[in-house]
Amino acid sequence: MGLKFCSLASGSSGNCQWISSEKTAVLLDAGLSGKYIQAAVSSLSEDIGKAKGILVTHEHIDHMKCIGVMMRRYGLQLYANQATFDALEPKIGKYDMNQVTIFENDKPFEIGDLLIRPFGISHDAVDPVAYSFSHGNRKVAIATDLGTVTETIMKELLDADILMIEANHDVEMLKVGPYPYHLKRRILSDIGHLSNDHAGEVALEVLKAGRLQSILLGHISKENNHPELAYETVKGVLEAEGVEIGRDVQLDMTYRDRVSRFYHMK
């Protein structure tokens, strides 16, 4: 079976990703309703009862809204670093401490037959992380909600077969848009979000490393971007360097309110 991946939803209204192997499945974040997540997983012909845990990137509500519900309803284990758990713990309601696993950033661990590596990123949260998930010789890396991509972060992405990267905003749309000045500054800062152009540059570097098969664009702003604009901007960055979409790499989208393409890597 290999490694499977699907974005159940990505955006400021809620985030959740599904990663599974033949024996194990996990959720990355749970920022939507439990009903939505269950229906989305079922639409993939996957069984949410197979899930062993929820991994959390950071404590913002669009990433952790129904963590407590999912822990209670399905008995899922929660995985987070200490600072993130401390920040979200008052918001998840009743839970059993035996359902909580605290990890250290940059130290890989296993859930079933999935190898998981959390690595620190730059965002306006207490200790945000991105993750890579490996099974056999296949790897998916998911990096959203980060204001910049450092050399250390890039090293974590370079050997991915699938890269989900944030293409949050178009810089000019953000500058002339309705957000207040302080919020625009935050989004554009190193603890904010990646622009379409920055996403394209990151994707290009990962593609040059030689393994990348598919790029997904995530966390697209409703107010400061359009899916078509994000796609065309990243496509333009890649094509300017001689990359042919569909031949050299697949370029796909994630969505705010529906599942993405479901990837099966053998």
Protein backbone atom coordinates (compact mmCIF):
# COMPACT_ATOMS: atom_id res chain seq x y z
CA MET A 1 0.00 0.00 0.00
CA GLY A 2 2.82 2.44 0.79
CA LEU A 3 2.11 5.95 2.06
CA LYS A 4 -1.15 7.87 1.55
CA PHE A 5 -1.82 11.57 2.00
CA CYS A 6 -4.78 13.91 1.68
CA SER A 7 -5.50 17.44 2.82
CA LEU A 8 -8.98 17.33 4.35
CA ALA A 9 -9.02 21.16 4.53
CA SER A 10 -6.47 23.96 4.63
CA GLY A 11 -7.03 27.63 5.41
CA SER A 12 -7.74 30.11 8.17
CA SER A 13 -11.18 28.57 8.76
CA GLY A 14 -9.73 25.16 9.60
CA ASN A 15 -6.89 22.74 8.93
CA CYS A 16 -6.63 18.96 8.99
CA GLN A 17 -4.50 16.50 7.04
CA TRP A 18 -4.74 12.70 6.78
CA ILE A 19 -1.65 10.49 6.55
CA SER A 20 -1.89 6.70 6.45
CA SER A 21 -0.06 3.48 5.71
CA GLU A 22 -1.46 -0.04 5.53
CA LYS A 23 -1.44 -0.38 9.33
CA THR A 24 -1.49 3.15 10.74
CA ALA A 25 -3.18 6.52 10.22
CA VAL A 26 -2.79 9.90 11.90
CA LEU A 27 -4.36 13.32 11.69
CA LEU A 28 -2.25 16.44 11.46
CA ASP A 29 -4.19 19.17 13.29
CA ALA A 30 -7.93 19.19 13.89
CA GLY A 31 -9.22 22.68 13.27
CA LEU A 32 -12.65 21.75 11.94
CA SER A 33 -15.68 20.03 13.40
CA GLY A 34 -15.47 16.37 14.27
CA LYS A 35 -18.42 15.73 11.94
CA TYR A 36 -16.59 17.31 9.02
CA ILE A 37 -13.38 15.36 9.68
CA GLN A 38 -15.21 12.04 9.96
CA ALA A 39 -17.14 12.69 6.73
CA ALA A 40 -13.99 13.80 4.90
CA VAL A 41 -12.09 10.66 5.93
CA SER A 42 -15.04 8.48 4.94
CA SER A 43 -15.12 10.16 1.51
CA LEU A 44 -11.63 8.73 0.94
CA SER A 45 -12.90 5.21 1.73
CA GLU A 46 -10.62 5.33 4.76
CA ASP A 47 -11.58 4.40 8.32
CA ILE A 48 -11.13 7.06 10.97
CA GLY A 49 -11.07 4.24 13.51
CA LYS A 50 -7.66 3.36 12.07
CA ALA A 51 -6.24 6.69 13.30
CA LYS A 52 -3.81 6.37 16.19
CA GLY A 53 -3.29 10.02 17.02
CA ILE A 54 -3.48 13.74 16.31
CA LEU A 55 -0.29 15.72 15.82
CA VAL A 56 -0.46 19.46 16.45
CA THR A 57 1.52 22.13 14.62
CA HIS A 58 0.60 25.01 16.97
CA GLU A 59 -2.13 26.29 19.27
CA HIS A 60 -4.10 28.60 16.95
CA ILE A 61 -7.80 27.74 16.86
CA ASP A 62 -7.88 26.89 13.14
CA HIS A 63 -5.49 24.03 13.91
CA MET A 64 -6.84 22.69 17.22
CA LYS A 65 -10.57 23.52 17.39
CA CYS A 66 -11.85 19.96 17.91
CA ILE A 67 -8.80 18.17 19.29
CA GLY A 68 -10.56 17.43 22.57
CA VAL A 69 -13.65 16.13 20.78
CA MET A 70 -11.57 13.79 18.62
CA MET A 71 -9.60 12.54 21.63
CA ARG A 72 -12.80 11.72 23.52
CA ARG A 73 -14.80 10.36 20.58
CA TYR A 74 -12.12 8.13 19.06
CA GLY A 75 -9.63 7.65 21.90
CA LEU A 76 -6.90 9.34 19.88
CA GLN A 77 -3.48 10.09 21.30
CA LEU A 78 -2.43 13.75 21.22
CA TYR A 79 1.16 14.53 20.18
CA ALA A 80 2.62 17.99 20.79
CA ASN A 81 5.71 19.66 22.15
CA GLN A 82 5.50 20.91 25.73
CA ALA A 83 4.99 24.61 25.00
CA THR A 84 2.24 23.93 22.47
CA PHE A 85 0.46 21.51 24.80
CA ASP A 86 0.61 24.02 27.65
CA ALA A 87 -0.96 26.65 25.38
CA LEU A 88 -3.80 24.49 24.06
CA GLU A 89 -4.50 22.39 27.18
CA PRO A 90 -7.01 24.86 28.71
CA LYS A 91 -9.01 24.79 25.45
CA ILE A 92 -9.51 21.05 24.86
CA GLY A 93 -11.87 20.21 27.72
CA LYS A 94 -11.80 16.95 29.62
CA TYR A 95 -9.03 14.53 28.68
CA ASP A 96 -6.98 11.66 30.04
CA MET A 97 -3.30 12.53 30.52
CA ASN A 98 -2.48 9.01 29.31
CA GLN A 99 -3.70 10.20 25.91
CA VAL A 100 -0.98 12.87 25.71
CA THR A 101 2.51 12.33 24.34
CA ILE A 102 5.01 15.18 24.57
CA PHE A 103 7.79 15.13 21.99
CA GLU A 104 10.94 17.18 21.51
CA ASN A 105 11.39 19.16 18.32
CA ASP A 106 13.82 17.69 15.77
CA LYS A 107 13.70 14.22 17.37
CA PRO A 108 12.00 11.60 15.18
CA PHE A 109 9.50 9.17 16.69
CA GLU A 110 7.25 6.40 15.42
CA ILE A 111 3.51 5.87 15.48
CA GLY A 112 2.91 2.36 14.23
CA ASP A 113 4.85 2.02 10.98
CA LEU A 114 5.02 5.78 10.33
CA LEU A 115 8.25 7.64 11.06
CA ILE A 116 7.48 11.22 12.07
CA ARG A 117 9.84 14.14 12.37
CA PRO A 118 8.69 17.45 13.91
CA PHE A 119 10.88 20.47 13.20
CA GLY A 120 10.69 24.03 14.42
CA ILE A 121 9.37 26.80 12.19
CA SER A 122 8.90 30.57 12.47
CA HIS A 123 5.34 31.72 13.21
CA ASP A 124 3.57 33.81 15.84
CA ALA A 125 2.86 30.89 18.15
CA VAL A 126 4.64 29.62 21.27
CA ASP A 127 6.66 26.82 19.63
CA PRO A 128 5.27 25.97 16.17
CA VAL A 129 6.43 22.97 14.18
CA ALA A 130 6.07 21.45 10.75
CA TYR A 131 6.28 17.71 10.13
CA SER A 132 7.50 15.08 7.75
CA PHE A 133 6.00 11.59 7.58
CA SER A 134 7.89 8.61 6.17
CA HIS A 135 7.00 5.03 5.41
CA GLY A 136 9.53 2.81 3.69
CA ASN A 137 11.34 5.03 1.20
CA ARG A 138 8.45 7.48 0.76
CA LYS A 139 8.08 10.84 2.48
CA VAL A 140 5.55 13.64 2.66
CA ALA A 141 6.52 17.00 4.18
CA ILE A 142 3.90 19.53 5.30
CA ALA A 143 4.95 23.10 6.04
CA THR A 144 2.30 25.78 6.52
CA ASP A 145 1.96 28.75 8.87
CA LEU A 146 5.56 29.88 8.61
CA GLY A 147 6.91 33.30 7.78
CA THR A 148 10.21 32.21 6.30
CA VAL A 149 12.06 29.06 5.25
CA THR A 150 15.49 28.84 6.83
CA GLU A 151 18.32 26.62 5.67
CA THR A 152 17.50 24.24 8.54
CA ILE A 153 13.85 23.97 7.48
CA MET A 154 14.83 23.49 3.85
CA LYS A 155 16.99 20.50 4.77
CA GLU A 156 13.89 18.83 6.23
CA LEU A 157 11.99 19.31 2.96
CA LEU A 158 14.59 18.39 0.35
CA ASP A 159 14.02 14.62 0.19
CA ALA A 160 10.21 14.75 0.15
CA ASP A 161 8.22 12.94 -2.53
CA ILE A 162 5.20 15.13 -1.75
CA LEU A 163 5.52 18.69 -0.47
CA MET A 164 2.56 20.61 0.92
CA ILE A 165 3.75 24.20 1.16
CA GLU A 166 1.93 27.34 2.20
CA ALA A 167 1.02 29.85 -0.53
CA ASN A 168 -0.90 32.15 1.76
CA HIS A 169 -1.06 35.50 0.01
CA ASP A 170 -0.28 37.61 -2.99
CA VAL A 171 1.88 40.45 -1.69
CA GLU A 172 0.18 43.20 -3.71
CA MET A 173 -3.32 41.98 -2.80
CA LEU A 174 -2.32 41.99 0.85
CA LYS A 175 -0.84 45.50 0.67
CA VAL A 176 -3.97 47.07 -0.86
CA GLY A 177 -6.45 44.81 0.92
CA PRO A 178 -8.73 45.44 3.90
CA TYR A 179 -6.49 44.19 6.69
CA PRO A 180 -5.24 46.76 9.23
CA TYR A 181 -1.63 47.84 8.90
CA HIS A 182 -0.40 45.91 11.96
CA LEU A 183 -1.88 42.67 10.62
CA LYS A 184 -0.35 43.22 7.18
CA ARG A 185 3.04 43.72 8.84
CA ARG A 186 2.65 40.52 10.84
CA ILE A 187 1.70 38.45 7.78
CA LEU A 188 4.65 39.82 5.80
CA SER A 189 7.11 39.26 8.64
CA ASP A 190 9.29 36.25 9.39
CA ILE A 191 6.66 35.06 11.90
CA GLY A 192 3.77 35.43 9.47
CA HIS A 193 2.94 33.51 6.30
CA LEU A 194 4.61 32.65 3.00
CA SER A 195 3.59 34.48 -0.17
CA ASN A 196 2.87 32.79 -3.50
CA ASP A 197 6.30 33.81 -4.82
CA HIS A 198 8.07 32.48 -1.74
CA ALA A 199 6.18 29.19 -2.01
CA GLY A 200 7.32 28.86 -5.62
CA GLU A 201 10.94 29.49 -4.66
CA VAL A 202 10.80 26.84 -1.93
CA ALA A 203 9.14 24.33 -4.23
CA LEU A 204 11.79 24.95 -6.88
CA GLU A 205 14.61 24.25 -4.43
CA VAL A 206 13.00 21.01 -3.28
CA LEU A 207 12.40 19.97 -6.89
CA LYS A 208 16.07 20.57 -7.72
CA ALA A 209 16.99 18.04 -5.03
CA GLY A 210 15.59 15.38 -7.34
CA ARG A 211 12.88 13.36 -5.54
CA LEU A 212 9.85 15.62 -5.54
CA GLN A 213 6.84 14.25 -7.40
CA SER A 214 3.97 16.47 -6.26
CA ILE A 215 3.53 19.99 -4.84
CA LEU A 216 0.37 21.02 -3.02
CA LEU A 217 -0.32 24.67 -2.24
CA GLY A 218 -1.94 25.21 1.16
CA HIS A 219 -3.39 27.75 3.59
CA ILE A 220 -4.49 30.11 0.81
CA SER A 221 -5.96 33.33 2.19
CA LYS A 222 -9.59 34.06 1.35
CA GLU A 223 -9.02 37.84 1.52
CA ASN A 224 -5.49 38.23 0.13
CA ASN A 225 -5.23 35.57 -2.55
CA HIS A 226 -7.11 33.50 -5.12
CA PRO A 227 -6.47 29.79 -5.75
CA GLU A 228 -5.96 30.48 -9.44
CA LEU A 229 -3.48 33.26 -8.68
CA ALA A 230 -1.52 31.08 -6.26
CA TYR A 231 -1.38 28.28 -8.81
CA GLU A 232 -0.32 30.52 -11.71
CA THR A 233 2.31 32.34 -9.63
CA VAL A 234 3.99 29.14 -8.45
CA LYS A 235 3.69 27.64 -11.92
CA GLY A 236 5.38 30.74 -13.33
CA VAL A 237 8.28 30.52 -10.87
CA LEU A 238 8.84 26.88 -11.82
CA GLU A 239 8.44 27.37 -15.57
CA ALA A 240 10.89 30.28 -15.53
CA GLU A 241 13.51 27.69 -14.54
CA GLY A 242 12.52 25.24 -17.28
CA VAL A 243 10.20 23.05 -15.20
CA GLU A 244 7.28 21.52 -17.10
CA ILE A 245 4.21 20.98 -14.92
CA GLY A 246 2.80 17.51 -15.44
CA ARG A 247 6.08 16.15 -16.76
CA ASP A 248 8.65 17.15 -14.16
CA VAL A 249 6.31 17.58 -11.21
CA GLN A 250 2.60 17.60 -10.38
CA LEU A 251 1.22 20.93 -9.07
CA ASP A 252 -2.03 20.69 -7.12
CA MET A 253 -4.17 22.69 -4.72
CA THR A 254 -5.64 22.20 -1.28
CA TYR A 255 -9.00 23.74 -0.38
CA ARG A 256 -10.65 25.53 2.51
CA ASP A 257 -13.84 23.46 2.45
CA ARG A 258 -13.17 20.15 0.71
CA VAL A 259 -10.59 17.42 0.37
CA SER A 260 -7.66 17.60 -2.00
CA ARG A 261 -6.51 14.91 -4.38
CA PHE A 262 -5.79 11.68 -2.48
CA TYR A 263 -2.19 10.56 -3.00
CA HIS A 264 -1.05 6.94 -2.93
CA MET A 265 2.71 6.39 -2.97
CA LYS A 266 3.94 2.80 -3.29
